[in-house]
Amino acid sequence: MNSARTLIKACVICLIPLLACSIYYTSERLDDLPAYLYISAQMALPLLLISCAYLANLAVMGRCSGWRLYTSAIAIVLSILTIGLTWL
């Protein structure tokens, strides 16, 4: 259990700078877009990370069916598409 807490702390330490840099460079790149596109591009990476963590949690708990699985999978796909369209 102690190693899991250490892994979670290490992930948080690595992801906070990633989120900050991603939001900063995305906001620089998308200055002239409408507000709804700007906000969706800003929220794509945090939503992707949260959805992946939730999907992994569902898999560990053995509940790989139902609306929660489909909702998190759709959120992952939409986030990847948004990030791809923003940076490509």
PDB file of N, CA and C in Angstrom:
ATOM      1  N   MET A   1       0.818  -1.194   0.000  1.00  0.00           N
ATOM      2  CA  MET A   1       0.000   0.000   0.000  1.00  0.00           C
ATOM      3  C   MET A   1       0.864   1.262   0.000  1.00  0.00           C
ATOM      4  N   ASN A   2       2.014   1.205   0.646  1.00  0.00           N
ATOM      5  CA  ASN A   2       2.901   2.362   0.708  1.00  0.00           C
ATOM      6  C   ASN A   2       3.468   2.686  -0.667  1.00  0.00           C
ATOM      7  N   SER A   3       3.757   1.659  -1.464  1.00  0.00           N
ATOM      8  CA  SER A   3       4.297   1.916  -2.799  1.00  0.00           C
ATOM      9  C   SER A   3       3.247   2.544  -3.709  1.00  0.00           C
ATOM     10  N   ALA A   4       1.969   2.211  -3.508  1.00  0.00           N
ATOM     11  CA  ALA A   4       0.904   2.828  -4.305  1.00  0.00           C
ATOM     12  C   ALA A   4       0.792   4.318  -3.984  1.00  0.00           C
ATOM     13  N   ARG A   5       0.907   4.674  -2.730  1.00  0.00           N
ATOM     14  CA  ARG A   5       0.863   6.098  -2.353  1.00  0.00           C
ATOM     15  C   ARG A   5       2.056   6.853  -2.925  1.00  0.00           C
ATOM     16  N   THR A   6       3.217   6.235  -2.929  1.00  0.00           N
ATOM     17  CA  THR A   6       4.399   6.865  -3.499  1.00  0.00           C
ATOM     18  C   THR A   6       4.229   7.049  -5.003  1.00  0.00           C
ATOM     19  N   LEU A   7       3.644   6.070  -5.676  1.00  0.00           N
ATOM     20  CA  LEU A   7       3.401   6.177  -7.108  1.00  0.00           C
ATOM     21  C   LEU A   7       2.403   7.288  -7.418  1.00  0.00           C
ATOM     22  N   ILE A   8       1.367   7.402  -6.614  1.00  0.00           N
ATOM     23  CA  ILE A   8       0.391   8.475  -6.813  1.00  0.00           C
ATOM     24  C   ILE A   8       1.041   9.833  -6.617  1.00  0.00           C
ATOM     25  N   LYS A   9       1.856   9.981  -5.592  1.00  0.00           N
ATOM     26  CA  LYS A   9       2.562  11.249  -5.360  1.00  0.00           C
ATOM     27  C   LYS A   9       3.495  11.587  -6.522  1.00  0.00           C
ATOM     28  N   ALA A  10       4.196  10.591  -7.034  1.00  0.00           N
ATOM     29  CA  ALA A  10       5.103  10.829  -8.161  1.00  0.00           C
ATOM     30  C   ALA A  10       4.328  11.240  -9.408  1.00  0.00           C
ATOM     31  N   CYS A  11       3.184  10.626  -9.646  1.00  0.00           N
ATOM     32  CA  CYS A  11       2.364  10.993 -10.809  1.00  0.00           C
ATOM     33  C   CYS A  11       1.856  12.425 -10.688  1.00  0.00           C
ATOM     34  N   VAL A  12       1.408  12.799  -9.502  1.00  0.00           N
ATOM     35  CA  VAL A  12       0.926  14.170  -9.303  1.00  0.00           C
ATOM     36  C   VAL A  12       2.049  15.174  -9.492  1.00  0.00           C
ATOM     37  N   ILE A  13       3.224  14.859  -8.984  1.00  0.00           N
ATOM     38  CA  ILE A  13       4.368  15.758  -9.137  1.00  0.00           C
ATOM     39  C   ILE A  13       4.739  15.931 -10.604  1.00  0.00           C
ATOM     40  N   CYS A  14       4.628  14.883 -11.396  1.00  0.00           N
ATOM     41  CA  CYS A  14       4.950  14.973 -12.822  1.00  0.00           C
ATOM     42  C   CYS A  14       3.840  15.621 -13.636  1.00  0.00           C
ATOM     43  N   LEU A  15       2.587  15.414 -13.250  1.00  0.00           N
ATOM     44  CA  LEU A  15       1.474  15.895 -14.064  1.00  0.00           C
ATOM     45  C   LEU A  15       1.158  17.369 -13.871  1.00  0.00           C
ATOM     46  N   ILE A  16       1.445  17.932 -12.718  1.00  0.00           N
ATOM     47  CA  ILE A  16       1.149  19.351 -12.496  1.00  0.00           C
ATOM     48  C   ILE A  16       1.947  20.243 -13.451  1.00  0.00           C
ATOM     49  N   PRO A  17       3.256  20.060 -13.608  1.00  0.00           N
ATOM     50  CA  PRO A  17       3.961  20.874 -14.616  1.00  0.00           C
ATOM     51  C   PRO A  17       3.502  20.593 -16.041  1.00  0.00           C
ATOM     52  N   LEU A  18       3.143  19.342 -16.349  1.00  0.00           N
ATOM     53  CA  LEU A  18       2.636  19.011 -17.677  1.00  0.00           C
ATOM     54  C   LEU A  18       1.351  19.782 -17.961  1.00  0.00           C
ATOM     55  N   LEU A  19       0.440  19.820 -17.003  1.00  0.00           N
ATOM     56  CA  LEU A  19      -0.809  20.553 -17.183  1.00  0.00           C
ATOM     57  C   LEU A  19      -0.555  22.048 -17.329  1.00  0.00           C
ATOM     58  N   ALA A  20       0.331  22.584 -16.510  1.00  0.00           N
ATOM     59  CA  ALA A  20       0.619  24.017 -16.584  1.00  0.00           C
ATOM     60  C   ALA A  20       1.222  24.389 -17.939  1.00  0.00           C
ATOM     61  N   CYS A  21       2.173  23.623 -18.401  1.00  0.00           N
ATOM     62  CA  CYS A  21       2.801  23.910 -19.701  1.00  0.00           C
ATOM     63  C   CYS A  21       1.810  23.726 -20.846  1.00  0.00           C
ATOM     64  N   SER A  22       1.011  22.695 -20.767  1.00  0.00           N
ATOM     65  CA  SER A  22       0.025  22.452 -21.815  1.00  0.00           C
ATOM     66  C   SER A  22      -0.974  23.595 -21.907  1.00  0.00           C
ATOM     67  N   ILE A  23      -1.474  24.039 -20.786  1.00  0.00           N
ATOM     68  CA  ILE A  23      -2.447  25.135 -20.788  1.00  0.00           C
ATOM     69  C   ILE A  23      -1.804  26.423 -21.280  1.00  0.00           C
ATOM     70  N   TYR A  24      -0.571  26.684 -20.880  1.00  0.00           N
ATOM     71  CA  TYR A  24       0.112  27.912 -21.304  1.00  0.00           C
ATOM     72  C   TYR A  24       0.328  27.930 -22.822  1.00  0.00           C
ATOM     73  N   TYR A  25       0.894  26.855 -23.364  1.00  0.00           N
ATOM     74  CA  TYR A  25       1.189  26.839 -24.796  1.00  0.00           C
ATOM     75  C   TYR A  25      -0.071  26.731 -25.645  1.00  0.00           C
ATOM     76  N   THR A  26      -1.102  26.077 -25.137  1.00  0.00           N
ATOM     77  CA  THR A  26      -2.367  26.030 -25.863  1.00  0.00           C
ATOM     78  C   THR A  26      -3.004  27.409 -25.907  1.00  0.00           C
ATOM     79  N   SER A  27      -2.940  28.150 -24.807  1.00  0.00           N
ATOM     80  CA  SER A  27      -3.525  29.495 -24.802  1.00  0.00           C
ATOM     81  C   SER A  27      -2.755  30.441 -25.716  1.00  0.00           C
ATOM     82  N   GLU A  28      -1.446  30.263 -25.831  1.00  0.00           N
ATOM     83  CA  GLU A  28      -0.667  31.066 -26.771  1.00  0.00           C
ATOM     84  C   GLU A  28      -1.031  30.750 -28.219  1.00  0.00           C
ATOM     85  N   ARG A  29      -1.266  29.494 -28.488  1.00  0.00           N
ATOM     86  CA  ARG A  29      -1.542  29.065 -29.850  1.00  0.00           C
ATOM     87  C   ARG A  29      -2.949  29.451 -30.315  1.00  0.00           C
ATOM     88  N   LEU A  30      -3.896  29.509 -29.396  1.00  0.00           N
ATOM     89  CA  LEU A  30      -5.302  29.694 -29.762  1.00  0.00           C
ATOM     90  C   LEU A  30      -5.857  31.028 -29.272  1.00  0.00           C
ATOM     91  N   ASP A  31      -5.158  32.100 -29.508  1.00  0.00           N
ATOM     92  CA  ASP A  31      -5.608  33.409 -29.029  1.00  0.00           C
ATOM     93  C   ASP A  31      -6.896  33.882 -29.676  1.00  0.00           C
ATOM     94  N   ASP A  32      -7.063  33.640 -30.947  1.00  0.00           N
ATOM     95  CA  ASP A  32      -8.145  34.268 -31.706  1.00  0.00           C
ATOM     96  C   ASP A  32      -9.362  33.376 -31.936  1.00  0.00           C
ATOM     97  N   LEU A  33      -9.501  32.304 -31.195  1.00  0.00           N
ATOM     98  CA  LEU A  33     -10.647  31.413 -31.364  1.00  0.00           C
ATOM     99  C   LEU A  33     -11.834  31.860 -30.524  1.00  0.00           C
ATOM    100  N   PRO A  34     -13.035  31.414 -30.878  1.00  0.00           N
ATOM    101  CA  PRO A  34     -14.191  31.691 -30.018  1.00  0.00           C
ATOM    102  C   PRO A  34     -14.027  31.035 -28.646  1.00  0.00           C
ATOM    103  N   ALA A  35     -14.787  31.515 -27.685  1.00  0.00           N
ATOM    104  CA  ALA A  35     -14.614  31.082 -26.295  1.00  0.00           C
ATOM    105  C   ALA A  35     -14.871  29.591 -26.099  1.00  0.00           C
ATOM    106  N   TYR A  36     -15.877  29.035 -26.763  1.00  0.00           N
ATOM    107  CA  TYR A  36     -16.181  27.619 -26.537  1.00  0.00           C
ATOM    108  C   TYR A  36     -15.068  26.712 -27.061  1.00  0.00           C
ATOM    109  N   LEU A  37     -14.432  27.064 -28.161  1.00  0.00           N
ATOM    110  CA  LEU A  37     -13.307  26.270 -28.665  1.00  0.00           C
ATOM    111  C   LEU A  37     -12.068  26.445 -27.795  1.00  0.00           C
ATOM    112  N   TYR A  38     -11.867  27.647 -27.312  1.00  0.00           N
ATOM    113  CA  TYR A  38     -10.713  27.939 -26.454  1.00  0.00           C
ATOM    114  C   TYR A  38     -10.808  27.135 -25.157  1.00  0.00           C
ATOM    115  N   ILE A  39     -11.990  27.131 -24.549  1.00  0.00           N
ATOM    116  CA  ILE A  39     -12.167  26.417 -23.282  1.00  0.00           C
ATOM    117  C   ILE A  39     -12.073  24.910 -23.488  1.00  0.00           C
ATOM    118  N   SER A  40     -12.639  24.404 -24.570  1.00  0.00           N
ATOM    119  CA  SER A  40     -12.556  22.965 -24.816  1.00  0.00           C
ATOM    120  C   SER A  40     -11.115  22.522 -25.073  1.00  0.00           C
ATOM    121  N   ALA A  41     -10.335  23.341 -25.742  1.00  0.00           N
ATOM    122  CA  ALA A  41      -8.925  23.006 -25.964  1.00  0.00           C
ATOM    123  C   ALA A  41      -8.139  23.057 -24.662  1.00  0.00           C
ATOM    124  N   GLN A  42      -8.487  23.987 -23.782  1.00  0.00           N
ATOM    125  CA  GLN A  42      -7.798  24.085 -22.489  1.00  0.00           C
ATOM    126  C   GLN A  42      -8.118  22.894 -21.588  1.00  0.00           C
ATOM    127  N   MET A  43      -9.330  22.393 -21.663  1.00  0.00           N
ATOM    128  CA  MET A  43      -9.766  21.324 -20.770  1.00  0.00           C
ATOM    129  C   MET A  43      -9.530  19.920 -21.322  1.00  0.00           C
ATOM    130  N   ALA A  44      -8.994  19.801 -22.524  1.00  0.00           N
ATOM    131  CA  ALA A  44      -8.835  18.485 -23.151  1.00  0.00           C
ATOM    132  C   ALA A  44      -7.841  17.596 -22.399  1.00  0.00           C
ATOM    133  N   LEU A  45      -6.685  18.110 -22.042  1.00  0.00           N
ATOM    134  CA  LEU A  45      -5.686  17.278 -21.363  1.00  0.00           C
ATOM    135  C   LEU A  45      -6.121  16.898 -19.950  1.00  0.00           C
ATOM    136  N   PRO A  46      -6.625  17.835 -19.132  1.00  0.00           N
ATOM    137  CA  PRO A  46      -7.106  17.386 -17.811  1.00  0.00           C
ATOM    138  C   PRO A  46      -8.233  16.356 -17.911  1.00  0.00           C
ATOM    139  N   LEU A  47      -9.142  16.542 -18.851  1.00  0.00           N
ATOM    140  CA  LEU A  47     -10.233  15.575 -19.019  1.00  0.00           C
ATOM    141  C   LEU A  47      -9.693  14.221 -19.472  1.00  0.00           C
ATOM    142  N   LEU A  48      -8.700  14.239 -20.326  1.00  0.00           N
ATOM    143  CA  LEU A  48      -8.083  12.989 -20.778  1.00  0.00           C
ATOM    144  C   LEU A  48      -7.447  12.244 -19.610  1.00  0.00           C
ATOM    145  N   LEU A  49      -6.715  12.953 -18.779  1.00  0.00           N
ATOM    146  CA  LEU A  49      -6.047  12.314 -17.651  1.00  0.00           C
ATOM    147  C   LEU A  49      -7.046  11.768 -16.635  1.00  0.00           C
ATOM    148  N   ILE A  50      -8.089  12.541 -16.347  1.00  0.00           N
ATOM    149  CA  ILE A  50      -9.109  12.095 -15.396  1.00  0.00           C
ATOM    150  C   ILE A  50      -9.846  10.876 -15.950  1.00  0.00           C
ATOM    151  N   SER A  51     -10.184  10.901 -17.215  1.00  0.00           N
ATOM    152  CA  SER A  51     -10.918   9.785 -17.819  1.00  0.00           C
ATOM    153  C   SER A  51     -10.075   8.517 -17.864  1.00  0.00           C
ATOM    154  N   CYS A  52      -8.794   8.655 -18.168  1.00  0.00           N
ATOM    155  CA  CYS A  52      -7.916   7.477 -18.171  1.00  0.00           C
ATOM    156  C   CYS A  52      -7.774   6.885 -16.771  1.00  0.00           C
ATOM    157  N   ALA A  53      -7.652   7.753 -15.780  1.00  0.00           N
ATOM    158  CA  ALA A  53      -7.553   7.269 -14.403  1.00  0.00           C
ATOM    159  C   ALA A  53      -8.841   6.573 -13.981  1.00  0.00           C
ATOM    160  N   TYR A  54      -9.981   7.123 -14.347  1.00  0.00           N
ATOM    161  CA  TYR A  54     -11.258   6.515 -13.996  1.00  0.00           C
ATOM    162  C   TYR A  54     -11.454   5.182 -14.712  1.00  0.00           C
ATOM    163  N   LEU A  55     -11.059   5.120 -15.972  1.00  0.00           N
ATOM    164  CA  LEU A  55     -11.157   3.879 -16.726  1.00  0.00           C
ATOM    165  C   LEU A  55     -10.249   2.804 -16.127  1.00  0.00           C
ATOM    166  N   ALA A  56      -9.055   3.186 -15.708  1.00  0.00           N
ATOM    167  CA  ALA A  56      -8.156   2.235 -15.055  1.00  0.00           C
ATOM    168  C   ALA A  56      -8.742   1.769 -13.725  1.00  0.00           C
ATOM    169  N   ASN A  57      -9.369   2.675 -12.999  1.00  0.00           N
ATOM    170  CA  ASN A  57     -10.008   2.311 -11.743  1.00  0.00           C
ATOM    171  C   ASN A  57     -11.150   1.327 -11.975  1.00  0.00           C
ATOM    172  N   LEU A  58     -11.953   1.545 -12.999  1.00  0.00           N
ATOM    173  CA  LEU A  58     -13.028   0.604 -13.323  1.00  0.00           C
ATOM    174  C   LEU A  58     -12.470  -0.764 -13.682  1.00  0.00           C
ATOM    175  N   ALA A  59     -11.371  -0.790 -14.417  1.00  0.00           N
ATOM    176  CA  ALA A  59     -10.772  -2.066 -14.805  1.00  0.00           C
ATOM    177  C   ALA A  59     -10.227  -2.814 -13.591  1.00  0.00           C
ATOM    178  N   VAL A  60      -9.622  -2.092 -12.662  1.00  0.00           N
ATOM    179  CA  VAL A  60      -9.081  -2.732 -11.465  1.00  0.00           C
ATOM    180  C   VAL A  60     -10.206  -3.273 -10.589  1.00  0.00           C
ATOM    181  N   MET A  61     -11.304  -2.531 -10.511  1.00  0.00           N
ATOM    182  CA  MET A  61     -12.423  -2.963  -9.682  1.00  0.00           C
ATOM    183  C   MET A  61     -13.239  -4.067 -10.347  1.00  0.00           C
ATOM    184  N   GLY A  62     -13.013  -4.326 -11.621  1.00  0.00           N
ATOM    185  CA  GLY A  62     -13.708  -5.383 -12.323  1.00  0.00           C
ATOM    186  C   GLY A  62     -15.088  -4.998 -12.819  1.00  0.00           C
ATOM    187  N   ARG A  63     -15.333  -3.720 -12.980  1.00  0.00           N
ATOM    188  CA  ARG A  63     -16.634  -3.238 -13.450  1.00  0.00           C
ATOM    189  C   ARG A  63     -16.513  -2.684 -14.868  1.00  0.00           C
ATOM    190  N   CYS A  64     -16.080  -3.506 -15.766  1.00  0.00           N
ATOM    191  CA  CYS A  64     -15.838  -3.058 -17.140  1.00  0.00           C
ATOM    192  C   CYS A  64     -17.077  -3.181 -18.016  1.00  0.00           C
ATOM    193  N   SER A  65     -18.157  -2.608 -17.548  1.00  0.00           N
ATOM    194  CA  SER A  65     -19.373  -2.563 -18.354  1.00  0.00           C
ATOM    195  C   SER A  65     -20.251  -1.446 -17.814  1.00  0.00           C
ATOM    196  N   GLY A  66     -21.210  -1.061 -18.626  1.00  0.00           N
ATOM    197  CA  GLY A  66     -22.150  -0.048 -18.173  1.00  0.00           C
ATOM    198  C   GLY A  66     -21.846   1.327 -18.731  1.00  0.00           C
ATOM    199  N   TRP A  67     -22.656   2.264 -18.317  1.00  0.00           N
ATOM    200  CA  TRP A  67     -22.582   3.622 -18.849  1.00  0.00           C
ATOM    201  C   TRP A  67     -21.320   4.345 -18.411  1.00  0.00           C
ATOM    202  N   ARG A  68     -20.756   4.003 -17.258  1.00  0.00           N
ATOM    203  CA  ARG A  68     -19.532   4.671 -16.797  1.00  0.00           C
ATOM    204  C   ARG A  68     -18.361   4.364 -17.713  1.00  0.00           C
ATOM    205  N   LEU A  69     -18.281   3.128 -18.159  1.00  0.00           N
ATOM    206  CA  LEU A  69     -17.221   2.736 -19.093  1.00  0.00           C
ATOM    207  C   LEU A  69     -17.353   3.487 -20.411  1.00  0.00           C
ATOM    208  N   TYR A  70     -18.567   3.545 -20.944  1.00  0.00           N
ATOM    209  CA  TYR A  70     -18.782   4.210 -22.222  1.00  0.00           C
ATOM    210  C   TYR A  70     -18.569   5.721 -22.123  1.00  0.00           C
ATOM    211  N   THR A  71     -18.995   6.298 -21.008  1.00  0.00           N
ATOM    212  CA  THR A  71     -18.802   7.746 -20.828  1.00  0.00           C
ATOM    213  C   THR A  71     -17.331   8.101 -20.752  1.00  0.00           C
ATOM    214  N   SER A  72     -16.550   7.339 -20.000  1.00  0.00           N
ATOM    215  CA  SER A  72     -15.121   7.644 -19.907  1.00  0.00           C
ATOM    216  C   SER A  72     -14.408   7.354 -21.225  1.00  0.00           C
ATOM    217  N   ALA A  73     -14.835   6.329 -21.949  1.00  0.00           N
ATOM    218  CA  ALA A  73     -14.221   6.043 -23.249  1.00  0.00           C
ATOM    219  C   ALA A  73     -14.528   7.146 -24.261  1.00  0.00           C
ATOM    220  N   ILE A  74     -15.744   7.650 -24.249  1.00  0.00           N
ATOM    221  CA  ILE A  74     -16.101   8.766 -25.136  1.00  0.00           C
ATOM    222  C   ILE A  74     -15.324  10.014 -24.772  1.00  0.00           C
ATOM    223  N   ALA A  75     -15.155  10.268 -23.477  1.00  0.00           N
ATOM    224  CA  ALA A  75     -14.376  11.436 -23.042  1.00  0.00           C
ATOM    225  C   ALA A  75     -12.924  11.324 -23.483  1.00  0.00           C
ATOM    226  N   ILE A  76     -12.373  10.125 -23.444  1.00  0.00           N
ATOM    227  CA  ILE A  76     -10.992   9.924 -23.886  1.00  0.00           C
ATOM    228  C   ILE A  76     -10.862  10.198 -25.385  1.00  0.00           C
ATOM    229  N   VAL A  77     -11.777   9.664 -26.163  1.00  0.00           N
ATOM    230  CA  VAL A  77     -11.725   9.861 -27.616  1.00  0.00           C
ATOM    231  C   VAL A  77     -11.895  11.339 -27.973  1.00  0.00           C
ATOM    232  N   LEU A  78     -12.855  12.013 -27.359  1.00  0.00           N
ATOM    233  CA  LEU A  78     -13.061  13.433 -27.640  1.00  0.00           C
ATOM    234  C   LEU A  78     -11.865  14.288 -27.226  1.00  0.00           C
ATOM    235  N   SER A  79     -11.248  13.937 -26.104  1.00  0.00           N
ATOM    236  CA  SER A  79     -10.066  14.681 -25.662  1.00  0.00           C
ATOM    237  C   SER A  79      -8.897  14.494 -26.622  1.00  0.00           C
ATOM    238  N   ILE A  80      -8.699  13.269 -27.076  1.00  0.00           N
ATOM    239  CA  ILE A  80      -7.612  13.012 -28.021  1.00  0.00           C
ATOM    240  C   ILE A  80      -7.853  13.744 -29.335  1.00  0.00           C
ATOM    241  N   LEU A  81      -9.094  13.736 -29.801  1.00  0.00           N
ATOM    242  CA  LEU A  81      -9.410  14.467 -31.033  1.00  0.00           C
ATOM    243  C   LEU A  81      -9.189  15.968 -30.868  1.00  0.00           C
ATOM    244  N   THR A  82      -9.591  16.507 -29.728  1.00  0.00           N
ATOM    245  CA  THR A  82      -9.407  17.941 -29.486  1.00  0.00           C
ATOM    246  C   THR A  82      -7.932  18.307 -29.422  1.00  0.00           C
ATOM    247  N   ILE A  83      -7.150  17.500 -28.728  1.00  0.00           N
ATOM    248  CA  ILE A  83      -5.706  17.764 -28.644  1.00  0.00           C
ATOM    249  C   ILE A  83      -5.075  17.642 -30.032  1.00  0.00           C
ATOM    250  N   GLY A  84      -5.481  16.623 -30.777  1.00  0.00           N
ATOM    251  CA  GLY A  84      -4.935  16.439 -32.115  1.00  0.00           C
ATOM    252  C   GLY A  84      -5.274  17.596 -33.045  1.00  0.00           C
ATOM    253  N   LEU A  85      -6.513  18.049 -33.022  1.00  0.00           N
ATOM    254  CA  LEU A  85      -6.899  19.168 -33.869  1.00  0.00           C
ATOM    255  C   LEU A  85      -6.242  20.482 -33.448  1.00  0.00           C
ATOM    256  N   THR A  86      -5.960  20.601 -32.164  1.00  0.00           N
ATOM    257  CA  THR A  86      -5.307  21.816 -31.670  1.00  0.00           C
ATOM    258  C   THR A  86      -3.859  21.888 -32.131  1.00  0.00           C
ATOM    259  N   TRP A  87      -3.164  20.773 -32.065  1.00  0.00           N
ATOM    260  CA  TRP A  87      -1.719  20.814 -32.297  1.00  0.00           C
ATOM    261  C   TRP A  87      -1.280  20.318 -33.659  1.00  0.00           C
ATOM    262  N   LEU A  88      -2.185  19.826 -34.476  1.00  0.00           N
ATOM    263  CA  LEU A  88      -1.760  19.363 -35.810  1.00  0.00           C
ATOM    264  C   LEU A  88      -2.173  20.317 -36.892  1.00  0.00           C
TER     265      LEU A  88
END
